[in-house]
């Protein structure tokens, strides 16, 4: 048995796999416990609704603008079984259905839009705790689900070097709502 250790990280593993090796086991310690690329959790809570009233955070950096209000999320699957994109809709809006064309829009770039006709629609939000305990899947079921989802994802999304970003779109109704609220909340410059 051949074992390798000493500061093994994701880049080292990818490089060894590309070169070909006969290593049976890897000892990954420090890089498993602490993500060297981002040792602190880069996370910020952004409110999107307060007491039933949608809220939007505005910013000159469009990537920091929030998508306001309560939403539902769906994964749209293509005819070959691979995920095409995830779609956010307003809560209560008509859900996307297999075989039915839907306009999918980039949340902030008006030129980026496409009609999508999914062969399958998977809801991404499940109520797992509604005042009652929910049965948890076994570790093997979780593992199988993760491997199945990775296998169904296109290779260009999975590659380590320059992966294609996975698309998350909004419905036409949600797009109009976002931009209407944006205009309502954005300050108007006064020139004199």
C-alpha atoms as a PDB file:
ATOM      1  CA  UNK A   1       0.000   0.000   0.000  1.00  0.00           C
ATOM      2  CA  UNK A   2       1.296   3.454  -0.922  1.00  0.00           C
ATOM      3  CA  UNK A   3       0.269   6.420   1.246  1.00  0.00           C
ATOM      4  CA  UNK A   4       0.915  10.116   0.668  1.00  0.00           C
ATOM      5  CA  UNK A   5       0.597  13.010   3.088  1.00  0.00           C
ATOM      6  CA  UNK A   6       2.134  16.415   3.957  1.00  0.00           C
ATOM      7  CA  UNK A   7       0.009  19.453   3.110  1.00  0.00           C
ATOM      8  CA  UNK A   8      -2.129  17.643   0.545  1.00  0.00           C
ATOM      9  CA  UNK A   9      -4.818  19.923  -0.876  1.00  0.00           C
ATOM     10  CA  UNK A  10      -7.295  19.913  -3.764  1.00  0.00           C
ATOM     11  CA  UNK A  11      -4.761  21.268  -6.275  1.00  0.00           C
ATOM     12  CA  UNK A  12      -2.231  18.591  -5.298  1.00  0.00           C
ATOM     13  CA  UNK A  13      -4.836  15.835  -5.708  1.00  0.00           C
ATOM     14  CA  UNK A  14      -5.923  17.160  -9.123  1.00  0.00           C
ATOM     15  CA  UNK A  15      -2.313  17.407 -10.283  1.00  0.00           C
ATOM     16  CA  UNK A  16      -1.481  13.878  -9.118  1.00  0.00           C
ATOM     17  CA  UNK A  17      -4.593  12.487 -10.838  1.00  0.00           C
ATOM     18  CA  UNK A  18      -3.700  14.241 -14.107  1.00  0.00           C
ATOM     19  CA  UNK A  19      -0.139  12.893 -13.957  1.00  0.00           C
ATOM     20  CA  UNK A  20      -1.232   9.393 -13.067  1.00  0.00           C
ATOM     21  CA  UNK A  21      -0.098   7.748  -9.820  1.00  0.00           C
ATOM     22  CA  UNK A  22      -0.184   4.529  -7.855  1.00  0.00           C
ATOM     23  CA  UNK A  23      -1.062   6.062  -4.478  1.00  0.00           C
ATOM     24  CA  UNK A  24      -3.640   4.045  -2.524  1.00  0.00           C
ATOM     25  CA  UNK A  25      -4.426   6.469   0.316  1.00  0.00           C
ATOM     26  CA  UNK A  26      -3.983  10.156   1.047  1.00  0.00           C
ATOM     27  CA  UNK A  27      -3.527  11.707   4.474  1.00  0.00           C
ATOM     28  CA  UNK A  28      -5.352  15.021   4.358  1.00  0.00           C
ATOM     29  CA  UNK A  29      -5.256  16.888   7.659  1.00  0.00           C
ATOM     30  CA  UNK A  30      -4.724  20.634   7.825  1.00  0.00           C
ATOM     31  CA  UNK A  31      -6.448  21.354   4.518  1.00  0.00           C
ATOM     32  CA  UNK A  32      -9.424  19.205   5.492  1.00  0.00           C
ATOM     33  CA  UNK A  33     -10.022  21.049   8.759  1.00  0.00           C
ATOM     34  CA  UNK A  34      -9.330  24.595   7.511  1.00  0.00           C
ATOM     35  CA  UNK A  35     -10.005  25.845   4.008  1.00  0.00           C
ATOM     36  CA  UNK A  36      -6.726  27.588   3.191  1.00  0.00           C
ATOM     37  CA  UNK A  37      -8.284  29.584   0.341  1.00  0.00           C
ATOM     38  CA  UNK A  38     -10.932  31.043   2.673  1.00  0.00           C
ATOM     39  CA  UNK A  39     -10.203  30.379   6.350  1.00  0.00           C
ATOM     40  CA  UNK A  40     -13.185  32.467   7.496  1.00  0.00           C
ATOM     41  CA  UNK A  41     -16.796  31.872   6.533  1.00  0.00           C
ATOM     42  CA  UNK A  42     -17.678  34.641   4.075  1.00  0.00           C
ATOM     43  CA  UNK A  43     -21.354  34.926   4.841  1.00  0.00           C
ATOM     44  CA  UNK A  44     -23.733  37.831   5.303  1.00  0.00           C
ATOM     45  CA  UNK A  45     -27.417  37.686   6.236  1.00  0.00           C
ATOM     46  CA  UNK A  46     -29.499  39.738   3.816  1.00  0.00           C
ATOM     47  CA  UNK A  47     -33.123  40.335   4.655  1.00  0.00           C
ATOM     48  CA  UNK A  48     -35.551  39.932   1.728  1.00  0.00           C
ATOM     49  CA  UNK A  49     -38.858  40.298   3.583  1.00  0.00           C
ATOM     50  CA  UNK A  50     -39.990  41.812   6.890  1.00  0.00           C
ATOM     51  CA  UNK A  51     -43.472  41.147   8.294  1.00  0.00           C
ATOM     52  CA  UNK A  52     -44.711  40.158   4.838  1.00  0.00           C
ATOM     53  CA  UNK A  53     -43.252  43.270   3.165  1.00  0.00           C
ATOM     54  CA  UNK A  54     -40.584  42.580   0.506  1.00  0.00           C
ATOM     55  CA  UNK A  55     -37.253  44.343   1.038  1.00  0.00           C
ATOM     56  CA  UNK A  56     -34.434  45.010  -1.417  1.00  0.00           C
ATOM     57  CA  UNK A  57     -30.816  45.909  -0.661  1.00  0.00           C
ATOM     58  CA  UNK A  58     -29.500  48.305  -3.298  1.00  0.00           C
ATOM     59  CA  UNK A  59     -25.840  48.641  -4.228  1.00  0.00           C
ATOM     60  CA  UNK A  60     -23.732  50.070  -7.038  1.00  0.00           C
ATOM     61  CA  UNK A  61     -22.293  46.541  -7.254  1.00  0.00           C
ATOM     62  CA  UNK A  62     -25.174  44.630  -8.858  1.00  0.00           C
ATOM     63  CA  UNK A  63     -23.928  41.317  -7.415  1.00  0.00           C
ATOM     64  CA  UNK A  64     -24.784  42.673  -3.950  1.00  0.00           C
ATOM     65  CA  UNK A  65     -28.389  43.613  -4.774  1.00  0.00           C
ATOM     66  CA  UNK A  66     -30.832  41.202  -3.131  1.00  0.00           C
ATOM     67  CA  UNK A  67     -33.777  39.501  -4.803  1.00  0.00           C
ATOM     68  CA  UNK A  68     -36.705  40.661  -2.650  1.00  0.00           C
ATOM     69  CA  UNK A  69     -39.666  38.768  -1.242  1.00  0.00           C
ATOM     70  CA  UNK A  70     -40.615  35.181  -0.523  1.00  0.00           C
ATOM     71  CA  UNK A  71     -39.634  32.868  -3.376  1.00  0.00           C
ATOM     72  CA  UNK A  72     -39.828  29.287  -4.589  1.00  0.00           C
ATOM     73  CA  UNK A  73     -36.917  27.578  -6.348  1.00  0.00           C
ATOM     74  CA  UNK A  74     -37.046  24.912  -9.059  1.00  0.00           C
ATOM     75  CA  UNK A  75     -34.410  22.996 -11.003  1.00  0.00           C
ATOM     76  CA  UNK A  76     -35.265  22.734 -14.704  1.00  0.00           C
ATOM     77  CA  UNK A  77     -33.989  19.524 -16.303  1.00  0.00           C
ATOM     78  CA  UNK A  78     -33.281  19.127 -20.032  1.00  0.00           C
ATOM     79  CA  UNK A  79     -34.288  16.263 -22.319  1.00  0.00           C
ATOM     80  CA  UNK A  80     -30.918  14.565 -21.698  1.00  0.00           C
ATOM     81  CA  UNK A  81     -31.444  14.539 -17.914  1.00  0.00           C
ATOM     82  CA  UNK A  82     -28.945  17.279 -17.073  1.00  0.00           C
ATOM     83  CA  UNK A  83     -29.898  20.391 -15.097  1.00  0.00           C
ATOM     84  CA  UNK A  84     -30.325  23.425 -17.368  1.00  0.00           C
ATOM     85  CA  UNK A  85     -30.723  26.084 -14.678  1.00  0.00           C
ATOM     86  CA  UNK A  86     -32.420  26.866 -11.394  1.00  0.00           C
ATOM     87  CA  UNK A  87     -35.437  29.165 -11.538  1.00  0.00           C
ATOM     88  CA  UNK A  88     -36.692  31.468  -8.788  1.00  0.00           C
ATOM     89  CA  UNK A  89     -40.345  32.510  -8.868  1.00  0.00           C
ATOM     90  CA  UNK A  90     -42.455  34.583  -6.508  1.00  0.00           C
ATOM     91  CA  UNK A  91     -44.251  32.581  -3.854  1.00  0.00           C
ATOM     92  CA  UNK A  92     -47.735  31.812  -5.160  1.00  0.00           C
ATOM     93  CA  UNK A  93     -46.771  32.324  -8.803  1.00  0.00           C
ATOM     94  CA  UNK A  94     -47.725  29.518 -11.215  1.00  0.00           C
ATOM     95  CA  UNK A  95     -45.082  26.809 -10.980  1.00  0.00           C
ATOM     96  CA  UNK A  96     -43.073  25.746 -14.031  1.00  0.00           C
ATOM     97  CA  UNK A  97     -44.282  22.484 -15.590  1.00  0.00           C
ATOM     98  CA  UNK A  98     -42.565  19.855 -17.727  1.00  0.00           C
ATOM     99  CA  UNK A  99     -43.110  20.370 -21.453  1.00  0.00           C
ATOM    100  CA  UNK A 100     -44.279  23.947 -20.972  1.00  0.00           C
ATOM    101  CA  UNK A 101     -42.114  26.828 -22.229  1.00  0.00           C
ATOM    102  CA  UNK A 102     -41.135  29.459 -19.656  1.00  0.00           C
ATOM    103  CA  UNK A 103     -39.233  32.731 -20.011  1.00  0.00           C
ATOM    104  CA  UNK A 104     -36.161  32.675 -17.766  1.00  0.00           C
ATOM    105  CA  UNK A 105     -34.368  35.950 -17.111  1.00  0.00           C
ATOM    106  CA  UNK A 106     -31.104  37.036 -15.541  1.00  0.00           C
ATOM    107  CA  UNK A 107     -32.110  38.922 -12.382  1.00  0.00           C
ATOM    108  CA  UNK A 108     -30.285  42.132 -13.345  1.00  0.00           C
ATOM    109  CA  UNK A 109     -29.148  41.986 -17.001  1.00  0.00           C
ATOM    110  CA  UNK A 110     -32.166  42.704 -19.201  1.00  0.00           C
ATOM    111  CA  UNK A 111     -30.469  41.323 -22.334  1.00  0.00           C
ATOM    112  CA  UNK A 112     -29.889  37.873 -20.819  1.00  0.00           C
ATOM    113  CA  UNK A 113     -33.083  35.884 -21.226  1.00  0.00           C
ATOM    114  CA  UNK A 114     -34.113  32.582 -22.759  1.00  0.00           C
ATOM    115  CA  UNK A 115     -37.169  30.430 -23.249  1.00  0.00           C
ATOM    116  CA  UNK A 116     -36.734  27.040 -21.607  1.00  0.00           C
ATOM    117  CA  UNK A 117     -38.935  23.979 -22.074  1.00  0.00           C
ATOM    118  CA  UNK A 118     -37.942  21.567 -19.309  1.00  0.00           C
ATOM    119  CA  UNK A 119     -38.555  17.842 -19.518  1.00  0.00           C
ATOM    120  CA  UNK A 120     -38.602  17.658 -15.717  1.00  0.00           C
ATOM    121  CA  UNK A 121     -39.097  20.226 -12.935  1.00  0.00           C
ATOM    122  CA  UNK A 122     -37.706  19.536  -9.462  1.00  0.00           C
ATOM    123  CA  UNK A 123     -38.809  21.698  -6.507  1.00  0.00           C
ATOM    124  CA  UNK A 124     -35.755  22.685  -4.451  1.00  0.00           C
ATOM    125  CA  UNK A 125     -37.559  23.773  -1.274  1.00  0.00           C
ATOM    126  CA  UNK A 126     -39.035  21.139   1.004  1.00  0.00           C
ATOM    127  CA  UNK A 127     -40.591  21.786   4.383  1.00  0.00           C
ATOM    128  CA  UNK A 128     -38.459  19.552   6.562  1.00  0.00           C
ATOM    129  CA  UNK A 129     -39.517  20.980   9.880  1.00  0.00           C
ATOM    130  CA  UNK A 130     -43.066  22.172  10.360  1.00  0.00           C
ATOM    131  CA  UNK A 131     -43.490  21.798  14.092  1.00  0.00           C
ATOM    132  CA  UNK A 132     -42.736  18.085  13.814  1.00  0.00           C
ATOM    133  CA  UNK A 133     -39.608  16.010  13.641  1.00  0.00           C
ATOM    134  CA  UNK A 134     -38.776  14.895  10.121  1.00  0.00           C
ATOM    135  CA  UNK A 135     -37.114  11.553   9.447  1.00  0.00           C
ATOM    136  CA  UNK A 136     -33.514  11.974   8.354  1.00  0.00           C
ATOM    137  CA  UNK A 137     -32.118  10.000   5.419  1.00  0.00           C
ATOM    138  CA  UNK A 138     -29.338   7.543   6.149  1.00  0.00           C
ATOM    139  CA  UNK A 139     -25.738   8.519   5.400  1.00  0.00           C
ATOM    140  CA  UNK A 140     -25.768   6.079   2.491  1.00  0.00           C
ATOM    141  CA  UNK A 141     -28.905   7.742   1.034  1.00  0.00           C
ATOM    142  CA  UNK A 142     -27.313  11.191   1.387  1.00  0.00           C
ATOM    143  CA  UNK A 143     -24.086   9.937  -0.202  1.00  0.00           C
ATOM    144  CA  UNK A 144     -25.974   8.351  -3.106  1.00  0.00           C
ATOM    145  CA  UNK A 145     -28.000  11.533  -3.681  1.00  0.00           C
ATOM    146  CA  UNK A 146     -24.851  13.696  -3.741  1.00  0.00           C
ATOM    147  CA  UNK A 147     -23.079  11.373  -6.188  1.00  0.00           C
ATOM    148  CA  UNK A 148     -26.182  11.219  -8.416  1.00  0.00           C
ATOM    149  CA  UNK A 149     -26.449  15.017  -8.491  1.00  0.00           C
ATOM    150  CA  UNK A 150     -22.753  15.433  -9.280  1.00  0.00           C
ATOM    151  CA  UNK A 151     -23.006  12.841 -12.063  1.00  0.00           C
ATOM    152  CA  UNK A 152     -26.041  14.633 -13.563  1.00  0.00           C
ATOM    153  CA  UNK A 153     -24.216  17.983 -13.643  1.00  0.00           C
ATOM    154  CA  UNK A 154     -22.474  18.944 -16.878  1.00  0.00           C
ATOM    155  CA  UNK A 155     -18.691  18.478 -16.889  1.00  0.00           C
ATOM    156  CA  UNK A 156     -18.029  22.154 -17.683  1.00  0.00           C
ATOM    157  CA  UNK A 157     -19.762  23.095 -14.411  1.00  0.00           C
ATOM    158  CA  UNK A 158     -17.718  20.506 -12.451  1.00  0.00           C
ATOM    159  CA  UNK A 159     -14.237  21.167 -13.805  1.00  0.00           C
ATOM    160  CA  UNK A 160     -11.735  22.582 -11.315  1.00  0.00           C
ATOM    161  CA  UNK A 161     -10.153  25.126 -13.687  1.00  0.00           C
ATOM    162  CA  UNK A 162     -12.472  27.870 -14.996  1.00  0.00           C
ATOM    163  CA  UNK A 163     -15.800  26.121 -14.423  1.00  0.00           C
ATOM    164  CA  UNK A 164     -18.844  27.456 -16.268  1.00  0.00           C
ATOM    165  CA  UNK A 165     -21.043  29.241 -13.725  1.00  0.00           C
ATOM    166  CA  UNK A 166     -24.341  27.460 -13.132  1.00  0.00           C
ATOM    167  CA  UNK A 167     -27.276  29.657 -14.133  1.00  0.00           C
ATOM    168  CA  UNK A 168     -29.870  30.829 -11.638  1.00  0.00           C
ATOM    169  CA  UNK A 169     -32.657  32.738 -13.367  1.00  0.00           C
ATOM    170  CA  UNK A 170     -35.859  34.454 -12.311  1.00  0.00           C
ATOM    171  CA  UNK A 171     -39.318  34.302 -13.858  1.00  0.00           C
ATOM    172  CA  UNK A 172     -40.570  37.252 -15.903  1.00  0.00           C
ATOM    173  CA  UNK A 173     -42.981  38.120 -13.075  1.00  0.00           C
ATOM    174  CA  UNK A 174     -40.216  38.134 -10.450  1.00  0.00           C
ATOM    175  CA  UNK A 175     -37.935  40.119 -12.797  1.00  0.00           C
ATOM    176  CA  UNK A 176     -40.571  42.856 -13.175  1.00  0.00           C
ATOM    177  CA  UNK A 177     -41.163  42.868  -9.402  1.00  0.00           C
ATOM    178  CA  UNK A 178     -37.434  43.231  -8.629  1.00  0.00           C
ATOM    179  CA  UNK A 179     -37.012  46.149 -11.008  1.00  0.00           C
ATOM    180  CA  UNK A 180     -40.234  47.850  -9.942  1.00  0.00           C
ATOM    181  CA  UNK A 181     -39.177  47.740  -6.283  1.00  0.00           C
ATOM    182  CA  UNK A 182     -35.663  48.854  -7.251  1.00  0.00           C
ATOM    183  CA  UNK A 183     -37.046  51.975  -8.974  1.00  0.00           C
ATOM    184  CA  UNK A 184     -39.390  52.625  -6.063  1.00  0.00           C
ATOM    185  CA  UNK A 185     -36.608  52.408  -3.444  1.00  0.00           C
ATOM    186  CA  UNK A 186     -33.666  53.957  -5.335  1.00  0.00           C
ATOM    187  CA  UNK A 187     -32.993  57.603  -4.537  1.00  0.00           C
ATOM    188  CA  UNK A 188     -33.579  60.065  -7.359  1.00  0.00           C
ATOM    189  CA  UNK A 189     -30.717  62.428  -8.068  1.00  0.00           C
ATOM    190  CA  UNK A 190     -31.631  66.086  -7.917  1.00  0.00           C
ATOM    191  CA  UNK A 191     -29.811  68.454 -10.254  1.00  0.00           C
ATOM    192  CA  UNK A 192     -30.086  72.215  -9.943  1.00  0.00           C
END
